[in-house]
């Protein structure tokens, strides 16, 4: 029964996480750096974006396993399996409200919704060193540390839900979650490569619509949280 009910929750959480503004900002920094260093080699931009996305996918997959194992240990020690589901629903409601708050009254570096302002100069300085696909892969793995404060919320909720399954059975769910998470990164990379848009257009679009990205994520997570607490899903 739990596996039947898991799919819409995991897809919803991954979709909300995928539109996170800070993840898109890091990708933009990476692509700008590669394009600046290789102005006439758009293929490098393609490979750089794909390498960055693959790196995020792999590292976040392992983060997911750690989160799930942590929850499984907690459940084994305290026998809170039934209560955990309600707690996760409450966390989702809280996170949804924070994102909606950022839509109503936006302030950069929102708590648990964006990368803290103190980390942004460091992250930007690091991403500027990505001048090749291999560099983008390495830096992608490293900057996940800076992405965690703004992307970890939905992932923790997903990890808590998946912790009710055997660890091996969570692997397909984590692969699905992280594929959805990096999907916008892949889409942006390919769109820039084939000339549908430019890095500058993507960056400008993100800045103009950042409040709406928070609104979309907030409504998805809030709706899921309420449904979990009320026992609808």
Protein backbone atom coordinates (compact mmCIF):
# COMPACT_ATOMS: atom_id res chain seq x y z
CA UNK A 1 0.00 0.00 0.00
CA UNK A 2 2.77 2.42 0.94
CA UNK A 3 4.52 1.88 -2.41
CA UNK A 4 1.28 2.68 -4.26
CA UNK A 5 0.95 5.95 -2.37
CA UNK A 6 4.60 6.94 -2.72
CA UNK A 7 4.69 7.94 -6.41
CA UNK A 8 2.61 11.16 -6.30
CA UNK A 9 4.40 12.32 -3.15
CA UNK A 10 7.88 11.78 -4.54
CA UNK A 11 7.01 13.39 -7.87
CA UNK A 12 5.43 16.39 -6.10
CA UNK A 13 8.40 16.94 -3.79
CA UNK A 14 10.92 16.51 -6.62
CA UNK A 15 8.98 18.93 -8.84
CA UNK A 16 8.90 21.53 -6.06
CA UNK A 17 12.63 21.06 -5.47
CA UNK A 18 13.45 21.27 -9.18
CA UNK A 19 12.20 24.87 -9.53
CA UNK A 20 14.38 26.05 -6.64
CA UNK A 21 15.93 29.39 -7.70
CA UNK A 22 19.33 28.78 -6.13
CA UNK A 23 19.95 25.56 -8.05
CA UNK A 24 19.16 27.37 -11.31
CA UNK A 25 21.41 30.26 -10.28
CA UNK A 26 24.40 27.96 -9.71
CA UNK A 27 23.88 26.35 -13.13
CA UNK A 28 23.77 29.81 -14.74
CA UNK A 29 27.06 30.78 -13.07
CA UNK A 30 28.66 27.56 -14.35
CA UNK A 31 27.49 28.09 -17.93
CA UNK A 32 28.54 31.75 -17.97
CA UNK A 33 32.01 30.77 -16.77
CA UNK A 34 32.40 28.09 -19.45
CA UNK A 35 31.06 30.37 -22.19
CA UNK A 36 33.35 33.21 -21.11
CA UNK A 37 36.37 30.92 -21.32
CA UNK A 38 35.20 29.25 -24.56
CA UNK A 39 33.12 31.97 -26.31
CA UNK A 40 32.91 30.16 -29.67
CA UNK A 41 32.54 26.58 -28.40
CA UNK A 42 28.89 26.06 -27.54
CA UNK A 43 29.52 22.32 -27.40
CA UNK A 44 31.57 22.98 -24.26
CA UNK A 45 28.54 24.72 -22.76
CA UNK A 46 26.43 21.65 -23.54
CA UNK A 47 28.95 19.24 -22.05
CA UNK A 48 29.51 21.53 -19.08
CA UNK A 49 25.81 21.77 -18.27
CA UNK A 50 25.35 18.01 -18.67
CA UNK A 51 28.41 17.31 -16.51
CA UNK A 52 27.16 19.66 -13.81
CA UNK A 53 23.69 18.07 -13.85
CA UNK A 54 25.17 14.56 -13.71
CA UNK A 55 27.37 15.53 -10.78
CA UNK A 56 24.40 16.96 -8.85
CA UNK A 57 22.38 13.82 -9.68
CA UNK A 58 25.05 11.45 -8.35
CA UNK A 59 25.91 13.37 -5.18
CA UNK A 60 22.27 14.01 -4.28
CA UNK A 61 21.53 10.31 -4.78
CA UNK A 62 24.05 9.45 -2.09
CA UNK A 63 22.72 12.24 0.15
CA UNK A 64 19.32 10.60 -0.23
CA UNK A 65 20.63 7.23 0.93
CA UNK A 66 22.16 8.88 4.00
CA UNK A 67 18.90 10.68 4.83
CA UNK A 68 16.87 7.49 4.45
CA UNK A 69 19.28 5.46 6.58
CA UNK A 70 19.18 8.15 9.28
CA UNK A 71 15.39 7.99 9.44
CA UNK A 72 15.45 4.20 9.52
CA UNK A 73 17.83 4.24 12.49
CA UNK A 74 15.64 6.77 14.31
CA UNK A 75 12.56 4.64 13.71
CA UNK A 76 14.29 1.50 14.95
CA UNK A 77 15.42 3.24 18.13
CA UNK A 78 12.25 5.10 19.05
CA UNK A 79 9.41 3.22 17.32
CA UNK A 80 7.91 6.42 15.87
CA UNK A 81 7.06 5.00 12.44
CA UNK A 82 3.39 6.05 12.58
CA UNK A 83 4.13 9.43 14.13
CA UNK A 84 6.93 10.15 11.65
CA UNK A 85 4.52 10.44 8.73
CA UNK A 86 2.52 13.16 10.51
CA UNK A 87 5.71 14.96 11.54
CA UNK A 88 6.91 14.98 7.92
CA UNK A 89 3.54 16.39 6.88
CA UNK A 90 3.97 19.18 9.42
CA UNK A 91 7.46 19.93 8.10
CA UNK A 92 6.05 20.09 4.57
CA UNK A 93 3.37 22.58 5.68
CA UNK A 94 6.03 24.75 7.35
CA UNK A 95 8.27 24.66 4.28
CA UNK A 96 5.33 25.44 1.99
CA UNK A 97 4.42 28.47 4.08
CA UNK A 98 8.02 29.72 3.96
CA UNK A 99 8.01 29.56 0.16
CA UNK A 100 4.63 31.29 -0.10
CA UNK A 101 5.95 33.96 2.26
CA UNK A 102 8.77 34.54 -0.23
CA UNK A 103 6.16 35.13 -2.91
CA UNK A 104 4.19 37.60 -0.80
CA UNK A 105 7.21 39.45 0.59
CA UNK A 106 10.38 38.42 -1.19
CA UNK A 107 13.77 38.82 0.43
CA UNK A 108 16.88 37.17 -1.06
CA UNK A 109 18.40 34.39 1.01
CA UNK A 110 15.16 33.24 2.64
CA UNK A 111 15.44 30.68 5.46
CA UNK A 112 15.31 27.12 4.03
CA UNK A 113 14.14 28.44 0.65
CA UNK A 114 17.27 30.03 -0.85
CA UNK A 115 21.02 29.96 -0.45
CA UNK A 116 22.03 32.20 2.50
CA UNK A 117 23.47 35.53 1.40
CA UNK A 118 26.70 34.83 3.30
CA UNK A 119 27.39 31.79 1.09
CA UNK A 120 26.62 33.39 -2.27
CA UNK A 121 29.96 35.19 -2.86
CA UNK A 122 31.83 31.97 -2.01
CA UNK A 123 29.66 29.86 -4.31
CA UNK A 124 30.01 32.35 -7.15
CA UNK A 125 33.77 32.51 -6.76
CA UNK A 126 33.99 28.71 -6.89
CA UNK A 127 31.70 28.33 -9.91
CA UNK A 128 33.70 30.90 -11.86
CA UNK A 129 36.53 28.36 -11.93
CA UNK A 130 34.44 25.95 -13.99
CA UNK A 131 35.94 26.52 -17.45
CA UNK A 132 35.52 22.98 -18.81
CA UNK A 133 33.08 20.03 -18.60
CA UNK A 134 35.39 18.18 -16.18
CA UNK A 135 35.64 21.31 -14.06
CA UNK A 136 31.85 21.66 -14.08
CA UNK A 137 31.52 18.07 -12.84
CA UNK A 138 34.00 18.57 -10.01
CA UNK A 139 32.56 21.90 -8.96
CA UNK A 140 29.02 20.53 -9.22
CA UNK A 141 29.92 17.90 -6.64
CA UNK A 142 31.48 20.52 -4.38
CA UNK A 143 28.75 23.18 -4.55
CA UNK A 144 26.08 20.72 -3.40
CA UNK A 145 27.22 21.82 0.07
CA UNK A 146 26.04 25.34 -0.76
CA UNK A 147 22.82 24.09 -2.35
CA UNK A 148 21.78 22.00 0.66
CA UNK A 149 20.39 24.88 2.77
CA UNK A 150 17.87 25.75 0.04
CA UNK A 151 17.11 22.30 -1.41
CA UNK A 152 17.29 19.94 1.55
CA UNK A 153 13.76 20.58 2.88
CA UNK A 154 11.76 18.64 0.26
CA UNK A 155 14.49 15.99 0.12
CA UNK A 156 14.28 15.36 3.86
CA UNK A 157 10.52 14.91 3.59
CA UNK A 158 10.98 12.51 0.66
CA UNK A 159 13.69 10.64 2.57
CA UNK A 160 11.41 10.29 5.58
CA UNK A 161 8.63 8.86 3.42
CA UNK A 162 11.00 6.46 1.65
CA UNK A 163 12.55 5.34 4.95
CA UNK A 164 9.43 3.23 5.52
CA UNK A 165 10.63 0.98 2.68
CA UNK A 166 13.63 -1.35 2.70
CA UNK A 167 16.79 0.53 1.74
CA UNK A 168 17.30 -1.38 -1.53
CA UNK A 169 13.73 -0.63 -2.60
CA UNK A 170 14.33 3.11 -2.20
CA UNK A 171 16.93 3.18 -4.99
CA UNK A 172 14.42 3.48 -7.91
CA UNK A 173 12.57 6.22 -6.01
CA UNK A 174 15.77 8.18 -5.41
CA UNK A 175 16.72 7.83 -9.08
CA UNK A 176 13.30 9.17 -10.08
CA UNK A 177 13.44 12.04 -7.57
CA UNK A 178 16.87 13.19 -8.67
CA UNK A 179 16.08 12.86 -12.37
CA UNK A 180 13.12 15.22 -11.87
CA UNK A 181 15.33 17.48 -9.74
CA UNK A 182 17.93 17.97 -12.50
CA UNK A 183 15.40 18.04 -15.36
CA UNK A 184 15.21 21.87 -15.53
CA UNK A 185 19.02 22.02 -15.55
CA UNK A 186 19.12 19.61 -18.49
CA UNK A 187 16.37 21.52 -20.28
CA UNK A 188 18.12 24.87 -19.86
CA UNK A 189 21.46 23.44 -21.00
CA UNK A 190 19.99 21.91 -24.16
CA UNK A 191 17.90 25.02 -24.94
CA UNK A 192 21.01 27.21 -24.78
CA UNK A 193 23.02 24.77 -26.90
CA UNK A 194 20.51 24.60 -29.74
CA UNK A 195 19.97 28.36 -29.64
CA UNK A 196 16.39 28.56 -28.36
CA UNK A 197 17.53 30.92 -25.63
CA UNK A 198 20.68 32.44 -24.12
CA UNK A 199 22.29 32.33 -20.71
CA UNK A 200 21.47 36.01 -20.25
CA UNK A 201 17.80 35.39 -21.06
CA UNK A 202 17.63 32.51 -18.59
CA UNK A 203 19.29 34.57 -15.88
CA UNK A 204 16.94 37.50 -16.51
CA UNK A 205 13.89 35.22 -16.58
CA UNK A 206 14.89 33.73 -13.23
CA UNK A 207 15.27 37.15 -11.65
CA UNK A 208 11.90 38.35 -12.98
CA UNK A 209 10.03 35.22 -11.93
CA UNK A 210 11.79 34.21 -8.72
CA UNK A 211 8.74 35.01 -6.58
CA UNK A 212 6.53 32.82 -8.77
CA UNK A 213 9.01 29.94 -8.54
CA UNK A 214 8.66 30.15 -4.77
CA UNK A 215 4.88 30.27 -5.09
CA UNK A 216 4.76 27.14 -7.26
CA UNK A 217 7.05 25.23 -4.90
CA UNK A 218 5.17 26.49 -1.86
CA UNK A 219 1.73 25.49 -3.11
CA UNK A 220 2.92 22.00 -4.10
CA UNK A 221 4.63 21.30 -0.78
CA UNK A 222 1.88 22.90 1.30
CA UNK A 223 -0.80 20.88 -0.46
CA UNK A 224 1.16 17.67 0.05
CA UNK A 225 1.79 18.47 3.72
CA UNK A 226 -1.87 19.13 4.44
CA UNK A 227 -2.83 15.92 2.64
CA UNK A 228 -0.33 13.93 4.71
CA UNK A 229 -1.46 15.38 8.03
CA UNK A 230 -5.12 14.89 7.19
CA UNK A 231 -4.53 11.33 6.01
CA UNK A 232 -5.72 11.97 2.47
CA UNK A 233 -2.56 10.47 0.93
